Structure formats: structure tokens, C-alpha cells
Amino acid sequence: MSAAIRAEGHTVRIPVDIRGEAGWVHAATSVDFTACRGRVHAVVGESGCGKTTLATAILGMLPAGTRAGGHLEYVDPNGRATALTGEGRAAAARTAGLRGRQIGYVPQSAATYLTPVRRVGAQLRETLRELRGQATAEELLDRVHLDPAALEAFPHELSGGMLQRAALAFALAGDPDVLVADEPISGLDPHLAQLTLGLLRSIADSGTAVVLITHD
């Protein structure tokens, strides 16, 4: 299995103001991590241990002023590496070009991910156009076992499990090489949790590197 994400000694410090004095939160320290295509990798830990910080770093979306040290990179199928950390606009532009296309993201709260006053189908088709995805909206919903009727629904008309699968469809719109799923089974009943985990397994089986973040 070829590596898609590599971290060596990756460290993240986030600036904070503590009673009027500048300080730093040690959000992640000396992380060594490799995510390979075709596998599901679980990042497990209690709340506040830095799991989401790792996901945010992979996506190139760390807060402004953050100090990221060590090494974190995305390696494409041809072996070309792109650094996911760095300073300035060049680093931000470099990682922005990967998001949605090479690296997909399933957010922790699917309900807040979608615009509440627009139908799911309109938002999904817009995402496909922006990312130049090859699949149709109907094909993406079929892939995540969601009825095509969901395309005509507003987000509040879908259940929690349906919203989670819809968010997964959005993450797959750009046919990413890496999929980062942040607590995708949080709040789901056991049956829906197993369905979601099965979907992630099938996505990995298609050749994607899946990074599953969970406290379970």
C-alpha cells in the first residue's frame, strides 16, 4: 500500500490569550503518522487530545498564527509530495488546491455543514461543478446508500444518519485520494454507526486512504 499522508515529528502550537497574556496551547506534539491508500486508519483519543488538530493540519486549515513544526505532507499516486505545513500565503494556496480534490473532509457536525435554506441537491451539484467531479449527484447518493429523493430535501428534513451520509457524499464529490472523517459516528445509533463504518471501509477498498477520527 502506498502512503498518501506522512507525518514525522509534527507539532502544532496555537496562540491564545490567557488573562491578557499571550500564551500557547500545545495542540499536538511529535506526531508520527502514515495513512496508506486502501486502508482505514483510526485516530483514537479523548476529547482535547489533538485528534481534530491533526485533521485540520492535513486539510491545511490551522488557525492564523499557529506554529506548525516537524513534517507533514501529502504524497500523490505518482510519488510527488506536497508539504501541508508552512508559513504565508504560498502555503495556504498550496493546501487550498488539495482540499476537496485530493483530500476530502467529512465534518463532525453534518447539520451545520450544509446551508439550511437551500436544497441538498442544489448544494451537491454546485460542489460537483466547483470540484469538476465526474460523478452525478444521484450516483454519489447511491454510493452512500441514500435515496435520490434526499436531493429535493432541505437539510432539516433529513435525519441525523441521512445528514451524515449526505456529508459523506459531499466529501466524495471531488473523487479524493484521501478522506478525513471527523467523528462520523458520533450521536448515531449502533445500526447507523455500523452502516457508516461499512461505507468508509468500502471507500478504502476502492483505493482511498481513509483517516477516521473517533473517541470510541
N, C-alpha and C. Protein backbone atom coordinates (compact mmCIF):
# COMPACT_ATOMS: atom_id res chain seq x y z
N MET A 1 0.84 -1.19 0.00
CA MET A 1 0.00 0.00 0.00
C MET A 1 0.88 1.25 0.00
N SER A 2 0.61 2.19 -0.90
CA SER A 2 1.42 3.40 -0.96
C SER A 2 0.91 4.45 0.04
N ALA A 3 1.84 5.21 0.61
CA ALA A 3 1.50 6.23 1.59
C ALA A 3 0.92 7.45 0.90
N ALA A 4 -0.17 8.00 1.45
CA ALA A 4 -0.79 9.21 0.92
C ALA A 4 -0.55 10.40 1.84
N ILE A 5 -0.52 10.17 3.15
CA ILE A 5 -0.23 11.21 4.14
C ILE A 5 0.91 10.72 5.03
N ARG A 6 1.92 11.57 5.22
CA ARG A 6 3.03 11.22 6.10
C ARG A 6 3.29 12.35 7.07
N ALA A 7 3.41 12.01 8.35
CA ALA A 7 3.78 12.99 9.38
C ALA A 7 4.96 12.43 10.16
N GLU A 8 5.95 13.27 10.39
CA GLU A 8 7.12 12.89 11.19
C GLU A 8 7.44 14.04 12.15
N GLY A 9 7.29 13.77 13.43
CA GLY A 9 7.57 14.79 14.43
C GLY A 9 6.71 16.03 14.28
N HIS A 10 5.49 15.85 13.78
CA HIS A 10 4.62 17.01 13.52
C HIS A 10 4.11 17.60 14.85
N THR A 11 4.31 18.89 15.02
CA THR A 11 3.95 19.58 16.26
C THR A 11 3.16 20.83 15.93
N VAL A 12 2.09 21.07 16.71
CA VAL A 12 1.24 22.24 16.47
C VAL A 12 1.08 23.02 17.78
N ARG A 13 1.36 24.34 17.70
CA ARG A 13 1.15 25.25 18.82
C ARG A 13 0.19 26.34 18.38
N ILE A 14 -0.90 26.53 19.15
CA ILE A 14 -1.93 27.51 18.79
C ILE A 14 -1.87 28.68 19.76
N PRO A 15 -1.80 29.94 19.26
CA PRO A 15 -1.71 31.09 20.15
C PRO A 15 -3.03 31.34 20.88
N VAL A 16 -2.92 31.70 22.16
CA VAL A 16 -4.11 32.02 22.97
C VAL A 16 -3.79 33.22 23.86
N ASP A 17 -4.85 33.86 24.33
CA ASP A 17 -4.72 34.96 25.27
C ASP A 17 -5.22 34.49 26.63
N ILE A 18 -4.33 34.42 27.60
CA ILE A 18 -4.68 33.93 28.94
C ILE A 18 -4.61 35.10 29.91
N ARG A 19 -5.79 35.62 30.26
CA ARG A 19 -5.88 36.74 31.20
C ARG A 19 -5.00 37.91 30.77
N GLY A 20 -5.08 38.21 29.49
CA GLY A 20 -4.35 39.35 28.97
C GLY A 20 -2.90 39.08 28.60
N GLU A 21 -2.45 37.85 28.80
CA GLU A 21 -1.08 37.50 28.46
C GLU A 21 -1.06 36.45 27.34
N ALA A 22 -0.18 36.67 26.38
CA ALA A 22 -0.07 35.75 25.25
C ALA A 22 0.52 34.42 25.71
N GLY A 23 -0.04 33.36 25.18
CA GLY A 23 0.47 32.02 25.51
C GLY A 23 0.25 31.08 24.35
N TRP A 24 0.57 29.81 24.58
CA TRP A 24 0.45 28.81 23.53
C TRP A 24 -0.22 27.55 24.06
N VAL A 25 -1.12 27.00 23.27
CA VAL A 25 -1.70 25.69 23.55
C VAL A 25 -0.93 24.65 22.74
N HIS A 26 -0.41 23.65 23.43
CA HIS A 26 0.31 22.57 22.75
C HIS A 26 -0.73 21.57 22.24
N ALA A 27 -1.23 21.84 21.03
CA ALA A 27 -2.35 21.06 20.49
C ALA A 27 -1.94 19.69 19.98
N ALA A 28 -0.71 19.54 19.52
CA ALA A 28 -0.19 18.25 19.06
C ALA A 28 1.32 18.28 19.20
N THR A 29 1.89 17.17 19.64
CA THR A 29 3.33 17.13 19.90
C THR A 29 3.95 15.87 19.30
N SER A 30 4.93 16.07 18.44
CA SER A 30 5.73 14.97 17.88
C SER A 30 4.88 13.83 17.33
N VAL A 31 3.97 14.17 16.42
CA VAL A 31 3.08 13.17 15.82
C VAL A 31 3.79 12.47 14.66
N ASP A 32 3.86 11.15 14.73
CA ASP A 32 4.35 10.32 13.63
C ASP A 32 3.16 9.52 13.12
N PHE A 33 2.85 9.67 11.83
CA PHE A 33 1.60 9.10 11.32
C PHE A 33 1.73 8.87 9.83
N THR A 34 1.28 7.71 9.36
CA THR A 34 1.25 7.42 7.93
C THR A 34 -0.10 6.84 7.56
N ALA A 35 -0.74 7.43 6.55
CA ALA A 35 -2.02 6.93 6.04
C ALA A 35 -1.80 6.39 4.64
N CYS A 36 -2.15 5.12 4.44
CA CYS A 36 -1.91 4.46 3.15
C CYS A 36 -3.20 4.26 2.38
N ARG A 37 -3.10 4.29 1.08
CA ARG A 37 -4.25 4.06 0.22
C ARG A 37 -4.77 2.64 0.42
N GLY A 38 -6.09 2.51 0.42
CA GLY A 38 -6.70 1.20 0.58
C GLY A 38 -6.90 0.77 2.01
N ARG A 39 -6.60 1.66 2.96
CA ARG A 39 -6.74 1.30 4.37
C ARG A 39 -7.54 2.34 5.14
N VAL A 40 -8.18 1.88 6.22
CA VAL A 40 -8.83 2.78 7.17
C VAL A 40 -7.93 2.91 8.38
N HIS A 41 -7.56 4.13 8.71
CA HIS A 41 -6.69 4.40 9.85
C HIS A 41 -7.49 5.13 10.92
N ALA A 42 -7.50 4.63 12.14
CA ALA A 42 -8.24 5.26 13.22
C ALA A 42 -7.32 6.09 14.10
N VAL A 43 -7.70 7.34 14.31
CA VAL A 43 -7.01 8.21 15.27
C VAL A 43 -7.94 8.29 16.48
N VAL A 44 -7.55 7.64 17.57
CA VAL A 44 -8.43 7.45 18.71
C VAL A 44 -7.88 8.19 19.93
N GLY A 45 -8.76 8.85 20.66
CA GLY A 45 -8.33 9.53 21.89
C GLY A 45 -9.46 10.32 22.50
N GLU A 46 -9.24 10.74 23.74
CA GLU A 46 -10.27 11.51 24.45
C GLU A 46 -10.38 12.92 23.88
N SER A 47 -11.46 13.61 24.25
CA SER A 47 -11.66 14.98 23.79
C SER A 47 -10.51 15.87 24.25
N GLY A 48 -10.03 16.72 23.33
CA GLY A 48 -8.96 17.66 23.67
C GLY A 48 -7.56 17.13 23.50
N CYS A 49 -7.42 15.89 22.98
CA CYS A 49 -6.08 15.31 22.88
C CYS A 49 -5.36 15.67 21.57
N GLY A 50 -6.06 16.36 20.65
CA GLY A 50 -5.41 16.80 19.42
C GLY A 50 -5.83 16.08 18.16
N LYS A 51 -6.89 15.25 18.23
CA LYS A 51 -7.32 14.49 17.05
C LYS A 51 -7.76 15.44 15.93
N THR A 52 -8.65 16.37 16.26
CA THR A 52 -9.15 17.30 15.25
C THR A 52 -8.06 18.24 14.77
N THR A 53 -7.09 18.54 15.63
CA THR A 53 -5.96 19.36 15.21
C THR A 53 -5.19 18.69 14.10
N LEU A 54 -5.01 17.37 14.21
CA LEU A 54 -4.33 16.62 13.15
C LEU A 54 -5.13 16.70 11.85
N ALA A 55 -6.46 16.53 11.95
CA ALA A 55 -7.31 16.62 10.76
C ALA A 55 -7.21 18.00 10.14
N THR A 56 -7.24 19.04 10.96
CA THR A 56 -7.17 20.41 10.46
C THR A 56 -5.83 20.67 9.79
N ALA A 57 -4.77 20.10 10.33
CA ALA A 57 -3.45 20.26 9.73
C ALA A 57 -3.39 19.57 8.37
N ILE A 58 -3.96 18.37 8.27
CA ILE A 58 -3.98 17.65 6.99
C ILE A 58 -4.73 18.46 5.94
N LEU A 59 -5.78 19.16 6.36
CA LEU A 59 -6.58 19.95 5.45
C LEU A 59 -5.98 21.33 5.18
N GLY A 60 -4.90 21.67 5.89
CA GLY A 60 -4.28 22.98 5.71
C GLY A 60 -5.15 24.10 6.23
N MET A 61 -5.88 23.87 7.32
CA MET A 61 -6.81 24.86 7.84
C MET A 61 -6.54 25.21 9.30
N LEU A 62 -5.29 25.18 9.69
CA LEU A 62 -4.93 25.57 11.05
C LEU A 62 -5.19 27.07 11.23
N PRO A 63 -5.53 27.52 12.45
CA PRO A 63 -5.81 28.94 12.69
C PRO A 63 -4.61 29.83 12.38
N ALA A 64 -4.91 31.08 12.05
CA ALA A 64 -3.85 32.06 11.78
C ALA A 64 -2.95 32.21 13.00
N GLY A 65 -1.66 32.32 12.76
CA GLY A 65 -0.71 32.49 13.85
C GLY A 65 -0.22 31.19 14.45
N THR A 66 -0.78 30.07 14.00
CA THR A 66 -0.36 28.77 14.52
C THR A 66 1.08 28.46 14.11
N ARG A 67 1.81 27.85 15.02
CA ARG A 67 3.17 27.39 14.72
C ARG A 67 3.14 25.87 14.53
N ALA A 68 3.47 25.45 13.32
CA ALA A 68 3.49 24.03 13.00
C ALA A 68 4.92 23.62 12.68
N GLY A 69 5.43 22.67 13.42
CA GLY A 69 6.79 22.20 13.21
C GLY A 69 6.82 20.76 12.76
N GLY A 70 8.01 20.26 12.52
CA GLY A 70 8.14 18.89 12.04
C GLY A 70 7.75 18.79 10.58
N HIS A 71 7.24 17.64 10.19
CA HIS A 71 7.00 17.35 8.78
C HIS A 71 5.62 16.75 8.60
N LEU A 72 4.84 17.30 7.65
CA LEU A 72 3.54 16.75 7.28
C LEU A 72 3.36 16.97 5.79
N GLU A 73 3.05 15.89 5.05
CA GLU A 73 2.95 16.03 3.60
C GLU A 73 1.91 15.09 3.02
N TYR A 74 1.42 15.50 1.84
CA TYR A 74 0.56 14.65 1.01
C TYR A 74 1.39 14.12 -0.14
N VAL A 75 1.28 12.83 -0.41
CA VAL A 75 2.04 12.20 -1.49
C VAL A 75 1.04 11.66 -2.51
N ASP A 76 1.12 12.19 -3.74
CA ASP A 76 0.15 11.76 -4.75
C ASP A 76 0.49 10.36 -5.27
N PRO A 77 -0.40 9.74 -6.07
CA PRO A 77 -0.15 8.37 -6.53
C PRO A 77 1.12 8.20 -7.35
N ASN A 78 1.65 9.31 -7.89
CA ASN A 78 2.89 9.24 -8.66
C ASN A 78 4.13 9.47 -7.81
N GLY A 79 3.92 9.64 -6.50
CA GLY A 79 5.05 9.81 -5.60
C GLY A 79 5.48 11.25 -5.37
N ARG A 80 4.76 12.22 -5.96
CA ARG A 80 5.11 13.63 -5.75
C ARG A 80 4.54 14.11 -4.42
N ALA A 81 5.38 14.75 -3.61
CA ALA A 81 4.99 15.18 -2.27
C ALA A 81 4.69 16.68 -2.25
N THR A 82 3.66 17.05 -1.47
CA THR A 82 3.30 18.44 -1.24
C THR A 82 3.26 18.68 0.25
N ALA A 83 4.06 19.63 0.74
CA ALA A 83 4.08 19.95 2.17
C ALA A 83 2.74 20.55 2.58
N LEU A 84 2.20 20.08 3.70
CA LEU A 84 0.92 20.57 4.20
C LEU A 84 1.10 21.62 5.29
N THR A 85 2.32 21.91 5.66
CA THR A 85 2.59 22.95 6.65
C THR A 85 3.52 23.99 6.06
N GLY A 86 3.54 25.14 6.67
CA GLY A 86 4.38 26.23 6.19
C GLY A 86 3.77 27.56 6.56
N GLU A 87 4.47 28.63 6.23
CA GLU A 87 4.02 29.97 6.60
C GLU A 87 3.67 30.76 5.34
N GLY A 88 2.75 31.71 5.51
CA GLY A 88 2.47 32.66 4.45
C GLY A 88 1.42 32.21 3.46
N ARG A 89 1.15 33.10 2.48
CA ARG A 89 0.10 32.87 1.51
C ARG A 89 0.41 31.70 0.58
N ALA A 90 1.67 31.48 0.29
CA ALA A 90 2.04 30.39 -0.62
C ALA A 90 1.62 29.04 -0.05
N ALA A 91 1.86 28.85 1.25
CA ALA A 91 1.48 27.59 1.89
C ALA A 91 -0.04 27.43 1.90
N ALA A 92 -0.75 28.53 2.18
CA ALA A 92 -2.22 28.48 2.21
C ALA A 92 -2.77 28.13 0.83
N ALA A 93 -2.22 28.74 -0.21
CA ALA A 93 -2.68 28.46 -1.57
C ALA A 93 -2.37 27.03 -1.98
N ARG A 94 -1.21 26.53 -1.54
CA ARG A 94 -0.78 25.18 -1.89
C ARG A 94 -1.75 24.14 -1.31
N THR A 95 -2.12 24.30 -0.06
CA THR A 95 -3.02 23.34 0.57
C THR A 95 -4.45 23.52 0.10
N ALA A 96 -4.85 24.77 -0.21
CA ALA A 96 -6.21 25.01 -0.69
C ALA A 96 -6.48 24.27 -1.99
N GLY A 97 -5.46 24.13 -2.82
CA GLY A 97 -5.62 23.42 -4.08
C GLY A 97 -5.86 21.93 -3.91
N LEU A 98 -5.53 21.39 -2.74
CA LEU A 98 -5.72 19.97 -2.48
C LEU A 98 -7.09 19.67 -1.88
N ARG A 99 -7.63 20.61 -1.12
CA ARG A 99 -8.88 20.37 -0.39
C ARG A 99 -10.04 20.13 -1.34
N GLY A 100 -10.80 19.10 -1.05
CA GLY A 100 -11.96 18.77 -1.85
C GLY A 100 -11.62 17.88 -3.03
N ARG A 101 -10.41 18.01 -3.55
CA ARG A 101 -9.99 17.21 -4.70
C ARG A 101 -9.14 16.03 -4.23
N GLN A 102 -7.88 16.30 -3.85
CA GLN A 102 -7.04 15.21 -3.35
C GLN A 102 -7.42 14.80 -1.92
N ILE A 103 -7.89 15.75 -1.12
CA ILE A 103 -8.21 15.47 0.28
C ILE A 103 -9.65 15.88 0.57
N GLY A 104 -10.51 14.90 0.83
CA GLY A 104 -11.91 15.17 1.17
C GLY A 104 -12.11 15.19 2.67
N TYR A 105 -13.20 15.82 3.11
CA TYR A 105 -13.42 16.00 4.55
C TYR A 105 -14.89 15.77 4.91
N VAL A 106 -15.11 14.94 5.92
CA VAL A 106 -16.44 14.74 6.49
C VAL A 106 -16.43 15.41 7.86
N PRO A 107 -17.20 16.50 8.04
CA PRO A 107 -17.13 17.27 9.28
C PRO A 107 -17.80 16.55 10.44
N GLN A 108 -17.47 17.00 11.64
CA GLN A 108 -18.01 16.39 12.85
C GLN A 108 -19.51 16.65 12.98
N SER A 109 -19.98 17.82 12.56
CA SER A 109 -21.40 18.16 12.66
C SER A 109 -21.95 18.37 11.26
N ALA A 110 -22.55 17.33 10.71
CA ALA A 110 -23.08 17.42 9.35
C ALA A 110 -24.22 18.43 9.25
N ALA A 111 -24.98 18.62 10.34
CA ALA A 111 -26.12 19.53 10.32
C ALA A 111 -25.70 20.98 10.07
N THR A 112 -24.52 21.37 10.54
CA THR A 112 -24.05 22.74 10.36
C THR A 112 -23.19 22.89 9.11
N TYR A 113 -22.97 21.80 8.41
CA TYR A 113 -22.11 21.81 7.23
C TYR A 113 -22.85 22.35 6.01
N LEU A 114 -24.16 22.10 5.96
CA LEU A 114 -24.97 22.48 4.81
C LEU A 114 -25.71 23.79 5.06
N THR A 115 -25.95 24.53 3.99
CA THR A 115 -26.75 25.77 4.09
C THR A 115 -28.20 25.39 4.32
N PRO A 116 -28.83 25.86 5.41
CA PRO A 116 -30.16 25.37 5.77
C PRO A 116 -31.29 25.79 4.83
N VAL A 117 -31.10 26.87 4.05
CA VAL A 117 -32.20 27.37 3.21
C VAL A 117 -32.10 26.93 1.76
N ARG A 118 -31.17 26.03 1.46
CA ARG A 118 -31.02 25.51 0.10
C ARG A 118 -31.18 23.99 0.12
N ARG A 119 -31.76 23.47 -0.94
CA ARG A 119 -31.96 22.02 -1.02
C ARG A 119 -30.62 21.30 -1.16
N VAL A 120 -30.60 20.08 -0.66
CA VAL A 120 -29.36 19.29 -0.67
C VAL A 120 -28.85 19.11 -2.09
N GLY A 121 -29.74 18.83 -3.03
CA GLY A 121 -29.32 18.59 -4.41
C GLY A 121 -28.65 19.79 -5.04
N ALA A 122 -29.19 20.99 -4.80
CA ALA A 122 -28.60 22.21 -5.36
C ALA A 122 -27.19 22.41 -4.83
N GLN A 123 -27.00 22.14 -3.54
CA GLN A 123 -25.67 22.32 -2.94
C GLN A 123 -24.69 21.26 -3.44
N LEU A 124 -25.17 20.03 -3.58
CA LEU A 124 -24.29 18.95 -4.03
C LEU A 124 -23.87 19.17 -5.48
N ARG A 125 -24.81 19.58 -6.33
CA ARG A 125 -24.48 19.83 -7.75
C ARG A 125 -23.52 21.01 -7.88
N GLU A 126 -23.69 22.02 -7.04
CA GLU A 126 -22.75 23.15 -7.06
C GLU A 126 -21.35 22.69 -6.67
N THR A 127 -21.27 21.82 -5.68
CA THR A 127 -19.98 21.29 -5.24
C THR A 127 -19.33 20.48 -6.36
N LEU A 128 -20.12 19.68 -7.06
CA LEU A 128 -19.59 18.89 -8.17
C LEU A 128 -19.05 19.79 -9.28
N ARG A 129 -19.76 20.89 -9.57
CA ARG A 129 -19.27 21.81 -10.60
C ARG A 129 -17.97 22.48 -10.17
N GLU A 130 -17.91 22.89 -8.91
CA GLU A 130 -16.72 23.58 -8.42
C GLU A 130 -15.50 22.67 -8.43
N LEU A 131 -15.71 21.41 -8.06
CA LEU A 131 -14.60 20.46 -7.98
C LEU A 131 -14.39 19.70 -9.29
N ARG A 132 -15.28 19.95 -10.25
CA ARG A 132 -15.22 19.25 -11.54
C ARG A 132 -15.29 17.74 -11.35
N GLY A 133 -16.19 17.33 -10.46
CA GLY A 133 -16.36 15.91 -10.20
C GLY A 133 -16.96 15.18 -11.39
N GLN A 134 -16.61 13.93 -11.55
CA GLN A 134 -17.04 13.13 -12.69
C GLN A 134 -18.38 12.43 -12.43
N ALA A 135 -18.75 12.25 -11.16
CA ALA A 135 -20.00 11.56 -10.83
C ALA A 135 -21.17 12.55 -10.88
N THR A 136 -22.38 12.01 -10.92
CA THR A 136 -23.57 12.83 -10.79
C THR A 136 -24.00 12.83 -9.33
N ALA A 137 -24.89 13.76 -8.98
CA ALA A 137 -25.39 13.82 -7.61
C ALA A 137 -26.11 12.52 -7.25
N GLU A 138 -26.86 11.99 -8.21
CA GLU A 138 -27.58 10.74 -7.96
C GLU A 138 -26.61 9.58 -7.72
N GLU A 139 -25.52 9.54 -8.47
CA GLU A 139 -24.53 8.48 -8.30
C GLU A 139 -23.85 8.57 -6.93
N LEU A 140 -23.59 9.79 -6.47
CA LEU A 140 -22.96 9.95 -5.15
C LEU A 140 -23.90 9.48 -4.04
N LEU A 141 -25.20 9.82 -4.16
CA LEU A 141 -26.14 9.37 -3.13
C LEU A 141 -26.27 7.85 -3.14
N ASP A 142 -26.25 7.26 -4.32
CA ASP A 142 -26.32 5.80 -4.40
C ASP A 142 -25.09 5.17 -3.74
N ARG A 143 -23.94 5.80 -3.90
CA ARG A 143 -22.72 5.27 -3.32
C ARG A 143 -22.77 5.25 -1.80
N VAL A 144 -23.49 6.22 -1.19
CA VAL A 144 -23.58 6.27 0.28
C VAL A 144 -24.92 5.72 0.77
N HIS A 145 -25.63 5.00 -0.11
CA HIS A 145 -26.90 4.34 0.25
C HIS A 145 -27.95 5.34 0.75
N LEU A 146 -28.10 6.43 0.01
CA LEU A 146 -29.09 7.44 0.35
C LEU A 146 -30.05 7.58 -0.82
N ASP A 147 -31.36 7.60 -0.53
CA ASP A 147 -32.37 7.68 -1.58
C ASP A 147 -32.24 8.98 -2.37
N PRO A 148 -32.35 8.94 -3.70
CA PRO A 148 -32.25 10.15 -4.51
C PRO A 148 -33.24 11.24 -4.12
N ALA A 149 -34.33 10.86 -3.45
CA ALA A 149 -35.32 11.85 -3.01
C ALA A 149 -34.71 12.86 -2.05
N ALA A 150 -33.60 12.49 -1.41
CA ALA A 150 -32.94 13.41 -0.48
C ALA A 150 -32.42 14.66 -1.18
N LEU A 151 -32.21 14.57 -2.50
CA LEU A 151 -31.73 15.73 -3.25
C LEU A 151 -32.73 16.88 -3.21
N GLU A 152 -34.01 16.56 -3.09
CA GLU A 152 -35.05 17.60 -3.08
C GLU A 152 -35.36 18.09 -1.67
N ALA A 153 -34.70 17.54 -0.67
CA ALA A 153 -34.99 17.90 0.72
C ALA A 153 -34.10 19.05 1.17
N PHE A 154 -34.60 19.80 2.16
CA PHE A 154 -33.77 20.75 2.87
C PHE A 154 -33.04 20.00 3.99
N PRO A 155 -31.88 20.48 4.43
CA PRO A 155 -31.13 19.73 5.45
C PRO A 155 -31.93 19.37 6.69
N HIS A 156 -32.82 20.27 7.14
CA HIS A 156 -33.55 19.98 8.38
C HIS A 156 -34.59 18.88 8.20
N GLU A 157 -34.85 18.51 6.94
CA GLU A 157 -35.82 17.45 6.67
C GLU A 157 -35.18 16.06 6.69
N LEU A 158 -33.87 16.00 6.85
CA LEU A 158 -33.16 14.72 6.89
C LEU A 158 -32.85 14.34 8.33
N SER A 159 -32.83 13.05 8.61
CA SER A 159 -32.45 12.57 9.95
C SER A 159 -30.94 12.72 10.14
N GLY A 160 -30.49 12.50 11.36
CA GLY A 160 -29.06 12.61 11.65
C GLY A 160 -28.23 11.65 10.81
N GLY A 161 -28.70 10.40 10.67
CA GLY A 161 -27.97 9.42 9.88
C GLY A 161 -27.94 9.79 8.40
N MET A 162 -29.06 10.32 7.89
CA MET A 162 -29.12 10.74 6.50
C MET A 162 -28.20 11.93 6.25
N LEU A 163 -28.17 12.86 7.20
CA LEU A 163 -27.27 14.01 7.06
C LEU A 163 -25.81 13.57 7.03
N GLN A 164 -25.48 12.59 7.85
CA GLN A 164 -24.10 12.11 7.89
C GLN A 164 -23.71 11.48 6.55
N ARG A 165 -24.64 10.73 5.97
CA ARG A 165 -24.36 10.13 4.66
C ARG A 165 -24.31 11.19 3.57
N ALA A 166 -25.14 12.23 3.70
CA ALA A 166 -25.09 13.33 2.73
C ALA A 166 -23.75 14.03 2.79
N ALA A 167 -23.25 14.28 4.01
CA ALA A 167 -21.93 14.91 4.17
C ALA A 167 -20.84 14.05 3.55
N LEU A 168 -20.99 12.74 3.66
CA LEU A 168 -20.02 11.82 3.04
C LEU A 168 -20.08 11.93 1.51
N ALA A 169 -21.29 12.08 0.97
CA ALA A 169 -21.43 12.26 -0.48
C ALA A 169 -20.73 13.54 -0.94
N PHE A 170 -20.88 14.62 -0.17
CA PHE A 170 -20.20 15.87 -0.49
C PHE A 170 -18.68 15.68 -0.48
N ALA A 171 -18.19 14.94 0.51
CA ALA A 171 -16.75 14.72 0.63
C ALA A 171 -16.20 13.93 -0.55
N LEU A 172 -17.05 13.10 -1.17
CA LEU A 172 -16.61 12.26 -2.29
C LEU A 172 -16.77 12.95 -3.64
N ALA A 173 -17.33 14.15 -3.64
CA ALA A 173 -17.66 14.83 -4.90
C ALA A 173 -16.45 15.06 -5.79
N GLY A 174 -15.30 15.34 -5.19
CA GLY A 174 -14.08 15.59 -5.97
C GLY A 174 -13.25 14.35 -6.22
N ASP A 175 -13.81 13.15 -5.88
CA ASP A 175 -13.10 11.88 -6.02
C ASP A 175 -11.73 11.95 -5.34
N PRO A 176 -11.71 12.22 -4.02
CA PRO A 176 -10.44 12.44 -3.32
C PRO A 176 -9.60 11.18 -3.17
N ASP A 177 -8.32 11.41 -3.02
CA ASP A 177 -7.35 10.34 -2.79
C ASP A 177 -7.27 10.01 -1.31
N VAL A 178 -7.58 11.00 -0.46
CA VAL A 178 -7.57 10.86 0.99
C VAL A 178 -8.91 11.35 1.52
N LEU A 179 -9.50 10.62 2.46
CA LEU A 179 -10.75 11.05 3.09
C LEU A 179 -10.54 11.14 4.59
N VAL A 180 -10.77 12.34 5.15
CA VAL A 180 -10.66 12.56 6.58
C VAL A 180 -12.07 12.66 7.15
N ALA A 181 -12.43 11.76 8.04
CA ALA A 181 -13.77 11.74 8.64
C ALA A 181 -13.65 12.02 10.13
N ASP A 182 -14.17 13.18 10.55
CA ASP A 182 -14.03 13.62 11.94
C ASP A 182 -15.27 13.23 12.74
N GLU A 183 -15.15 12.21 13.59
CA GLU A 183 -16.24 11.71 14.44
C GLU A 183 -17.51 11.43 13.62
N PRO A 184 -17.42 10.66 12.54
CA PRO A 184 -18.59 10.46 11.68
C PRO A 184 -19.71 9.62 12.30
N ILE A 185 -19.41 8.90 13.40
CA ILE A 185 -20.46 8.06 14.00
C ILE A 185 -20.93 8.62 15.34
N SER A 186 -20.45 9.81 15.71
CA SER A 186 -20.87 10.41 16.97
C SER A 186 -22.37 10.72 16.94
N GLY A 187 -23.11 10.25 17.93
CA GLY A 187 -24.53 10.53 18.02
C GLY A 187 -25.42 9.60 17.21
N LEU A 188 -24.83 8.66 16.47
CA LEU A 188 -25.63 7.72 15.67
C LEU A 188 -25.93 6.46 16.49
N ASP A 189 -27.08 5.86 16.23
CA ASP A 189 -27.38 4.60 16.92
C ASP A 189 -26.50 3.50 16.35
N PRO A 190 -26.39 2.36 17.04
CA PRO A 190 -25.45 1.32 16.62
C PRO A 190 -25.62 0.87 15.18
N HIS A 191 -26.86 0.75 14.71
CA HIS A 191 -27.08 0.30 13.34
C HIS A 191 -26.53 1.30 12.33
N LEU A 192 -26.84 2.59 12.52
CA LEU A 192 -26.36 3.62 11.60
C LEU A 192 -24.84 3.78 11.70
N ALA A 193 -24.31 3.59 12.91
CA ALA A 193 -22.86 3.67 13.08
C ALA A 193 -22.16 2.58 12.27
N GLN A 194 -22.71 1.36 12.33
CA GLN A 194 -22.12 0.26 11.56
C GLN A 194 -22.26 0.49 10.06
N LEU A 195 -23.38 1.09 9.64
CA LEU A 195 -23.57 1.40 8.22
C LEU A 195 -22.52 2.41 7.76
N THR A 196 -22.29 3.44 8.57
CA THR A 196 -21.30 4.46 8.22
C THR A 196 -19.90 3.88 8.17
N LEU A 197 -19.56 3.05 9.14
CA LEU A 197 -18.24 2.42 9.14
C LEU A 197 -18.08 1.50 7.93
N GLY A 198 -19.15 0.82 7.55
CA GLY A 198 -19.09 -0.03 6.37
C GLY A 198 -18.86 0.78 5.09
N LEU A 199 -19.47 1.98 5.03
CA LEU A 199 -19.26 2.86 3.88
C LEU A 199 -17.80 3.30 3.81
N LEU A 200 -17.23 3.65 4.95
CA LEU A 200 -15.82 4.06 4.97
C LEU A 200 -14.92 2.91 4.55
N ARG A 201 -15.27 1.70 4.96
CA ARG A 201 -14.48 0.53 4.57
C ARG A 201 -14.54 0.33 3.05
N SER A 202 -15.74 0.50 2.47
CA SER A 202 -15.88 0.30 1.02
C SER A 202 -15.14 1.39 0.26
N ILE A 203 -15.09 2.62 0.80
CA ILE A 203 -14.35 3.70 0.16
C ILE A 203 -12.86 3.38 0.18
N ALA A 204 -12.37 2.86 1.28
CA ALA A 204 -10.96 2.45 1.35
C ALA A 204 -10.68 1.32 0.37
N ASP A 205 -11.62 0.40 0.24
CA ASP A 205 -11.42 -0.73 -0.67
C ASP A 205 -11.30 -0.26 -2.13
N SER A 206 -11.83 0.92 -2.43
CA SER A 206 -11.73 1.46 -3.79
C SER A 206 -10.38 2.12 -4.04
N GLY A 207 -9.53 2.18 -2.99
CA GLY A 207 -8.19 2.72 -3.16
C GLY A 207 -7.91 4.01 -2.44
N THR A 208 -8.88 4.51 -1.69
CA THR A 208 -8.71 5.77 -0.96
C THR A 208 -8.07 5.52 0.40
N ALA A 209 -7.24 6.47 0.85
CA ALA A 209 -6.73 6.41 2.22
C ALA A 209 -7.75 7.09 3.13
N VAL A 210 -8.30 6.36 4.10
CA VAL A 210 -9.32 6.90 4.99
C VAL A 210 -8.73 7.12 6.38
N VAL A 211 -8.90 8.33 6.90
CA VAL A 211 -8.47 8.67 8.25
C VAL A 211 -9.71 8.89 9.09
N LEU A 212 -9.99 7.99 10.00
CA LEU A 212 -11.18 8.02 10.86
C LEU A 212 -10.80 8.56 12.23
N ILE A 213 -11.37 9.70 12.59
CA ILE A 213 -11.10 10.31 13.90
C ILE A 213 -12.26 9.98 14.82
N THR A 214 -11.97 9.40 15.99
CA THR A 214 -13.02 8.97 16.88
C THR A 214 -12.53 8.90 18.33
N HIS A 215 -13.45 9.06 19.26
CA HIS A 215 -13.12 8.85 20.68
C HIS A 215 -13.58 7.48 21.13
N ASP A 216 -14.25 6.73 20.21
CA ASP A 216 -14.83 5.43 20.55
C ASP A 216 -13.79 4.34 20.28
